[in-house]
Protein backbone atom coordinates (compact mmCIF):
# COMPACT_ATOMS: atom_id res chain seq x y z
CA MET A 1 67.32 37.08 57.41
CA THR A 2 65.81 34.77 59.81
CA THR A 3 62.09 35.07 59.85
CA SER A 4 59.85 33.02 61.31
CA ARG A 5 57.08 30.05 59.64
CA SER A 6 54.51 31.97 60.92
CA ASP A 7 55.47 35.22 59.69
CA ALA A 8 56.33 33.84 56.10
CA ALA A 9 53.10 32.50 55.83
CA ALA A 10 51.17 35.97 57.19
CA PRO A 11 51.44 38.10 53.94
CA LEU A 12 49.88 35.23 51.93
CA SER A 13 46.89 33.55 53.94
CA SER A 14 45.75 36.20 56.82
CA THR A 15 46.32 39.74 55.32
CA PRO A 16 43.36 41.38 57.02
CA VAL A 17 41.30 43.93 55.06
CA ALA A 18 41.22 47.48 57.49
CA VAL A 19 37.91 48.08 59.38
CA PRO A 20 36.35 51.74 58.19
CA PRO A 21 35.68 53.70 61.45
CA PRO A 22 31.64 53.88 62.24
CA GLY A 23 29.87 55.07 60.22
CA ALA A 24 31.84 55.23 56.66
CA PRO A 25 30.77 54.10 53.48
CA ARG A 26 32.08 50.15 53.37
CA ARG A 27 31.67 49.73 49.76
CA ARG A 28 33.94 53.70 49.43
CA GLY A 29 36.62 52.16 52.19
CA ALA A 30 37.27 48.90 50.88
CA LEU A 31 37.53 49.71 46.95
CA GLY A 32 40.15 53.07 48.73
CA PRO A 33 43.25 50.81 48.16
CA VAL A 34 41.85 49.30 44.79
CA GLY A 35 41.90 52.81 43.54
CA LEU A 36 45.76 53.33 44.78
CA VAL A 37 46.71 50.03 42.79
CA LEU A 38 45.01 51.14 39.55
CA ALA A 39 46.56 54.34 39.83
CA GLY A 40 49.97 52.66 40.33
CA GLY A 41 49.58 50.57 37.34
CA VAL A 42 48.75 53.70 34.93
CA SER A 43 51.95 55.18 36.08
CA VAL A 44 54.14 52.53 36.35
CA GLN A 45 52.68 51.54 32.71
CA PHE A 46 53.61 54.86 30.74
CA GLY A 47 56.68 55.20 32.68
CA ALA A 48 57.58 51.85 31.06
CA ALA A 49 56.63 53.58 27.70
CA LEU A 50 58.72 56.35 28.45
CA ALA A 51 61.77 54.11 29.21
CA VAL A 52 61.72 51.93 25.96
CA THR A 53 62.26 55.00 24.41
CA LEU A 54 65.20 56.50 26.35
CA MET A 55 66.73 53.29 25.91
CA PRO A 56 68.87 53.69 22.38
CA ARG A 57 70.69 56.65 24.44
CA THR A 58 71.60 54.08 27.58
CA GLY A 59 71.05 50.88 27.33
CA ALA A 60 68.20 49.16 29.15
CA LEU A 61 70.75 48.58 32.37
CA GLY A 62 71.25 52.28 31.82
CA VAL A 63 67.53 53.37 32.08
CA VAL A 64 67.31 51.20 35.24
CA THR A 65 70.22 52.64 36.74
CA LEU A 66 68.86 55.73 36.69
CA ARG A 67 65.34 54.87 37.68
CA LEU A 68 66.52 53.08 40.91
CA MET A 69 69.17 56.06 41.46
CA ALA A 70 66.28 59.14 41.43
CA ALA A 71 63.89 56.73 42.82
CA ALA A 72 65.83 56.84 45.67
CA VAL A 73 67.26 59.93 45.92
CA VAL A 74 63.39 61.73 46.11
CA LEU A 75 61.82 58.66 48.68
CA LEU A 76 64.94 59.64 51.18
CA LEU A 77 64.86 63.40 50.75
CA VAL A 78 61.36 62.90 51.39
CA CYS A 79 60.72 60.06 53.76
CA ARG A 80 63.95 60.56 55.22
CA PRO A 81 63.55 57.25 57.00
CA ARG A 82 64.50 56.38 60.83
CA LEU A 83 67.58 54.25 60.68
CA ARG A 84 68.22 53.11 64.32
CA GLY A 85 65.76 51.31 66.46
CA HIS A 86 65.43 48.17 63.94
CA SER A 87 65.70 44.78 64.13
CA ARG A 88 67.95 42.63 62.36
CA THR A 89 64.60 41.02 60.52
CA ASP A 90 63.49 44.62 59.85
CA TRP A 91 66.76 45.30 57.67
CA GLY A 92 67.01 41.94 56.47
CA THR A 93 63.62 42.45 55.00
CA VAL A 94 64.14 45.30 53.99
CA VAL A 95 67.30 44.49 51.55
CA VAL A 96 65.53 41.50 50.01
CA PHE A 97 62.73 43.71 49.37
CA GLY A 98 65.02 46.29 47.78
CA LEU A 99 66.82 43.71 46.26
CA THR A 100 64.15 41.97 44.70
CA MET A 101 63.04 45.53 43.10
CA ALA A 102 66.22 46.03 41.36
CA ALA A 103 66.05 42.27 40.17
CA MET A 104 62.36 42.91 38.70
CA ASN A 105 63.23 46.23 37.13
CA GLY A 106 66.34 44.39 35.57
CA LEU A 107 64.90 41.61 33.84
CA PHE A 108 61.96 43.29 32.66
CA TYR A 109 63.81 46.44 30.97
CA GLN A 110 65.98 43.36 29.49
CA ALA A 111 62.30 42.23 28.05
CA VAL A 112 61.53 44.99 26.16
CA ASP A 113 64.39 45.89 24.97
CA ARG A 114 64.04 43.29 23.04
CA ILE A 115 60.07 42.15 22.71
CA PRO A 116 56.51 44.44 22.19
CA LEU A 117 55.97 46.18 25.51
CA GLY A 118 52.18 44.41 25.44
CA PRO A 119 53.72 40.90 25.34
CA ALA A 120 56.07 41.48 27.72
CA VAL A 121 54.26 43.01 30.55
CA THR A 122 51.46 39.47 29.27
CA LEU A 123 54.22 37.68 30.40
CA GLU A 124 55.38 39.11 33.24
CA VAL A 125 51.58 39.42 35.05
CA LEU A 126 51.83 35.37 35.02
CA GLY A 127 53.83 35.82 38.25
CA PRO A 128 51.25 37.53 40.01
CA LEU A 129 48.45 35.66 38.46
CA ALA A 130 50.43 32.43 39.95
CA LEU A 131 51.02 34.08 43.63
CA SER A 132 46.76 34.66 43.81
CA VAL A 133 45.58 30.75 43.11
CA LEU A 134 48.58 30.05 45.65
CA ALA A 135 47.69 32.29 47.77
CA SER A 136 43.90 32.44 48.01
CA ARG A 137 41.88 30.48 50.57
CA ARG A 138 38.22 31.14 48.40
CA ALA A 139 37.67 28.68 45.04
CA VAL A 140 36.22 31.52 43.34
CA ASN A 141 39.34 33.21 43.53
CA ALA A 142 40.83 30.95 41.66
CA VAL A 143 38.09 31.08 38.50
CA TRP A 144 38.64 34.45 38.36
CA ALA A 145 42.62 33.92 38.36
CA GLY A 146 41.36 31.54 35.44
CA LEU A 147 39.54 34.27 33.49
CA ALA A 148 42.36 36.14 33.36
CA LEU A 149 44.80 33.83 32.50
CA GLY A 150 42.75 32.72 29.46
CA GLY A 151 43.00 36.85 28.50
CA VAL A 152 46.93 36.21 29.12
CA PHE A 153 46.83 33.24 26.68
CA LEU A 154 44.63 34.89 23.99
CA LEU A 155 46.88 38.73 24.24
CA GLY A 156 49.34 35.94 23.52
CA GLY A 157 48.15 35.23 20.33
CA GLY A 158 45.35 32.05 21.57
CA GLY A 159 49.07 29.51 20.88
CA GLY A 160 48.99 30.45 17.57
CA GLY A 161 52.33 31.26 16.79
CA GLY A 162 52.11 34.64 19.69
CA PHE A 163 54.54 34.32 21.73
CA GLY A 164 56.54 31.54 19.41
CA ASP A 165 57.92 34.49 17.00
CA LEU A 166 59.03 36.42 19.80
CA ASP A 167 62.83 36.57 20.86
CA PRO A 168 62.75 33.67 23.23
CA ILE A 169 65.50 35.43 25.64
CA GLY A 170 63.48 38.18 26.00
CA VAL A 171 60.33 35.76 27.13
CA ALA A 172 62.62 34.61 29.36
CA PHE A 173 63.51 37.57 31.05
CA ALA A 174 59.69 38.55 31.39
CA LEU A 175 58.90 35.24 32.93
CA ALA A 176 61.54 36.20 35.18
CA ALA A 177 60.84 39.17 35.97
CA GLY A 178 57.19 37.66 37.07
CA THR A 179 58.80 35.63 39.66
CA MET A 180 60.42 38.96 40.86
CA TRP A 181 56.75 40.32 40.78
CA ALA A 182 55.32 37.83 43.04
CA ALA A 183 58.41 37.82 45.48
CA TYR A 184 57.79 41.86 45.18
CA ILE A 185 54.24 41.77 46.01
CA ILE A 186 55.25 39.48 49.45
CA PHE A 187 58.31 41.55 50.63
CA SER A 188 55.87 44.79 50.13
CA VAL A 189 52.93 43.77 52.83
CA ARG A 190 55.90 42.57 54.87
CA THR A 191 57.73 45.60 55.06
CA GLY A 192 54.89 47.72 55.13
CA ARG A 193 54.15 45.85 58.50
CA ARG A 194 57.53 46.66 59.92
CA PHE A 195 58.51 50.32 58.67
CA PRO A 196 56.07 52.86 59.27
CA GLN A 197 54.47 55.02 56.39
CA ALA A 198 56.72 54.87 52.97
CA ASP A 199 60.30 54.69 55.15
CA GLY A 200 60.92 51.21 54.03
CA LEU A 201 60.20 51.54 50.55
CA ALA A 202 62.69 54.73 50.92
CA LEU A 203 65.40 52.14 52.21
CA ALA A 204 64.62 49.28 49.81
CA MET A 205 65.30 51.78 46.74
CA ALA A 206 68.35 52.67 48.55
CA VAL A 207 69.61 49.42 48.45
CA GLY A 208 68.30 48.09 44.92
CA ALA A 209 69.62 51.36 43.26
CA LEU A 210 73.21 50.92 44.66
CA ALA A 211 73.21 47.13 44.06
CA PHE A 212 72.41 47.61 40.36
CA LEU A 213 74.62 50.64 39.66
CA PRO A 214 77.50 48.39 38.60
CA PHE A 215 75.75 47.08 35.92
CA GLY A 216 74.13 50.72 34.67
CA ILE A 217 78.28 51.60 34.77
CA VAL A 218 79.38 48.70 33.05
CA GLU A 219 76.90 49.46 30.40
CA SER A 220 76.22 52.54 30.12
CA GLY A 221 79.43 54.70 31.36
CA THR A 222 79.56 58.45 31.26
CA ARG A 223 76.06 58.45 29.05
CA LEU A 224 74.44 58.03 32.73
CA LEU A 225 75.88 62.11 33.05
CA ASP A 226 73.97 63.32 30.30
CA PRO A 227 71.62 66.50 31.82
CA VAL A 228 68.74 65.30 29.13
CA THR A 229 69.19 61.88 30.15
CA VAL A 230 69.59 62.55 33.47
CA GLY A 231 66.25 64.23 33.08
CA LEU A 232 64.24 61.66 31.25
CA GLY A 233 65.48 58.82 34.00
CA ALA A 234 64.24 61.42 36.71
CA ALA A 235 60.85 61.47 34.75
CA VAL A 236 61.04 57.78 34.23
CA ALA A 237 61.77 57.05 38.03
CA LEU A 238 58.46 59.61 39.03
CA MET A 239 56.12 57.48 36.94
CA SER A 240 57.06 54.13 36.90
CA SER A 241 58.84 53.94 40.66
CA VAL A 242 57.75 56.62 43.17
CA LEU A 243 54.50 56.98 42.54
CA PRO A 244 52.95 53.37 42.05
CA TYR A 245 55.26 51.60 44.84
CA THR A 246 53.77 54.48 47.38
CA LEU A 247 50.54 53.54 46.23
CA GLU A 248 51.02 49.67 45.93
CA LEU A 249 52.51 50.20 49.52
CA LEU A 250 50.15 52.13 51.23
CA ALA A 251 47.31 49.87 49.13
CA LEU A 252 48.96 46.77 50.75
CA ARG A 253 48.27 47.83 54.21
CA ARG A 254 44.29 46.93 53.47
CA LEU A 255 44.40 45.09 50.31
CA PRO A 256 44.74 41.06 50.86
CA ALA A 257 47.98 39.91 48.29
CA SER A 258 45.54 37.79 46.77
CA THR A 259 43.58 40.25 45.84
CA PHE A 260 46.27 42.80 44.75
CA ALA A 261 47.94 39.68 42.67
CA ILE A 262 44.53 39.32 41.02
CA LEU A 263 44.44 43.24 39.93
CA MET A 264 47.70 43.03 38.61
CA SER A 265 46.13 40.87 35.15
CA LEU A 266 45.05 45.02 34.50
CA GLU A 267 48.95 45.45 33.54
CA PRO A 268 48.80 44.38 29.94
CA ALA A 269 45.56 46.60 28.92
CA LEU A 270 47.49 49.17 30.76
CA ALA A 271 50.55 48.50 28.86
CA ALA A 272 48.71 47.97 25.51
CA LEU A 273 46.76 51.74 26.33
CA ALA A 274 50.58 52.97 27.17
CA GLY A 275 51.92 51.45 24.01
CA PHE A 276 49.29 52.52 21.41
CA LEU A 277 49.63 56.14 23.03
CA ILE A 278 53.25 56.65 23.02
CA LEU A 279 54.98 53.97 20.93
CA HIS A 280 51.94 53.86 18.59
CA GLN A 281 51.25 50.09 19.08
CA THR A 282 48.09 48.85 18.32
CA LEU A 283 45.78 45.99 18.88
CA SER A 284 43.99 43.38 17.35
CA ALA A 285 41.01 42.67 18.09
CA LEU A 286 41.89 39.08 19.85
CA GLN A 287 43.90 41.64 21.80
CA ALA A 288 41.03 43.53 22.94
CA LEU A 289 38.70 40.48 23.46
CA ALA A 290 41.72 39.35 26.09
CA ILE A 291 41.85 42.29 27.61
CA ALA A 292 38.03 42.39 28.42
CA LEU A 293 38.37 39.13 29.97
CA VAL A 294 41.02 40.87 32.22
CA ILE A 295 39.34 43.63 33.03
CA ALA A 296 36.37 41.51 34.06
CA ALA A 297 38.68 38.93 36.32
CA SER A 298 39.61 41.85 37.77
CA MET A 299 36.20 43.67 38.65
CA GLY A 300 35.43 40.11 39.56
CA ALA A 301 37.88 39.79 42.19
CA VAL A 302 37.16 43.28 43.58
CA ARG A 303 33.76 42.22 43.97
CA THR A 304 34.39 39.37 45.77
CA GLN A 305 36.90 40.93 47.73
CA VAL A 306 34.37 43.48 48.93
CA GLY A 307 31.63 41.17 49.64
CA ARG A 308 34.06 39.27 51.59
CA SER A 309 34.34 41.73 54.34
CA ALA A 310 31.48 44.04 53.94
CA PRO A 311 29.13 41.26 56.02
CA GLY A 312 31.26 40.44 58.93
CA THR A 313 32.40 44.20 59.51
CA PRO A 314 31.70 45.65 62.55
């Protein structure tokens, strides 16, 4: 992929906030993309909990394969993206975006196959948190990121044997998934700028599905063809891929990558809720405090961004 230096830096340093039309309530307009991100987070975490229940039928790689394939089919049918008229840079961006999504999904499901959902998401969110610190031009955003990181630390047990008791391979997979999550944010922004509507997302999902298909076939074989398994995999795809990725792609057209990354710190709380309701996982008092810190950091980041965009709005 050939990308200029200035283009590569744009999603991190200069992503603009959309200016609302004259007469529109500014605060409500600024919170619109935040609502999209939060709705996507709820969907993806409950989809992840459903995927955990599906793993005994197909294995982790099989679940990822079903998820990506079903999501790609749905998005291609709905979006019907145009294949002509795109530059080599456009295609390079969408291919890297697709491979990043495939890697992020594959690594994460390898993690939740070995460690509980809550800790896995907590470790994974370190990637977006690191991106938020690197991307931000305001010192206050580093404070919010630090507060969220403190919540992540407490959610892992406060250093007192929390993550140390987990499967180290699962921990490594979760951290690697977090790195891919940060890359996903960057390439989601770039794809949204180069392709109309959700066309880039549909093409990227197809790339990711085709790239991951051999891994699923090797692990699961004909189990991928079982009707019940296919139906459950389609449900996971809708909840964990189609709906959240579309919402996030739309949100990133109006929301800076740094604010988006800090909002991702809500994922451990959403994962804990999904784990409690679907997988019957409970929270300790320390974990509840950690979630409160993460939510406070996310709310602070949103308020900072709203206050920043309002004064300069024509």
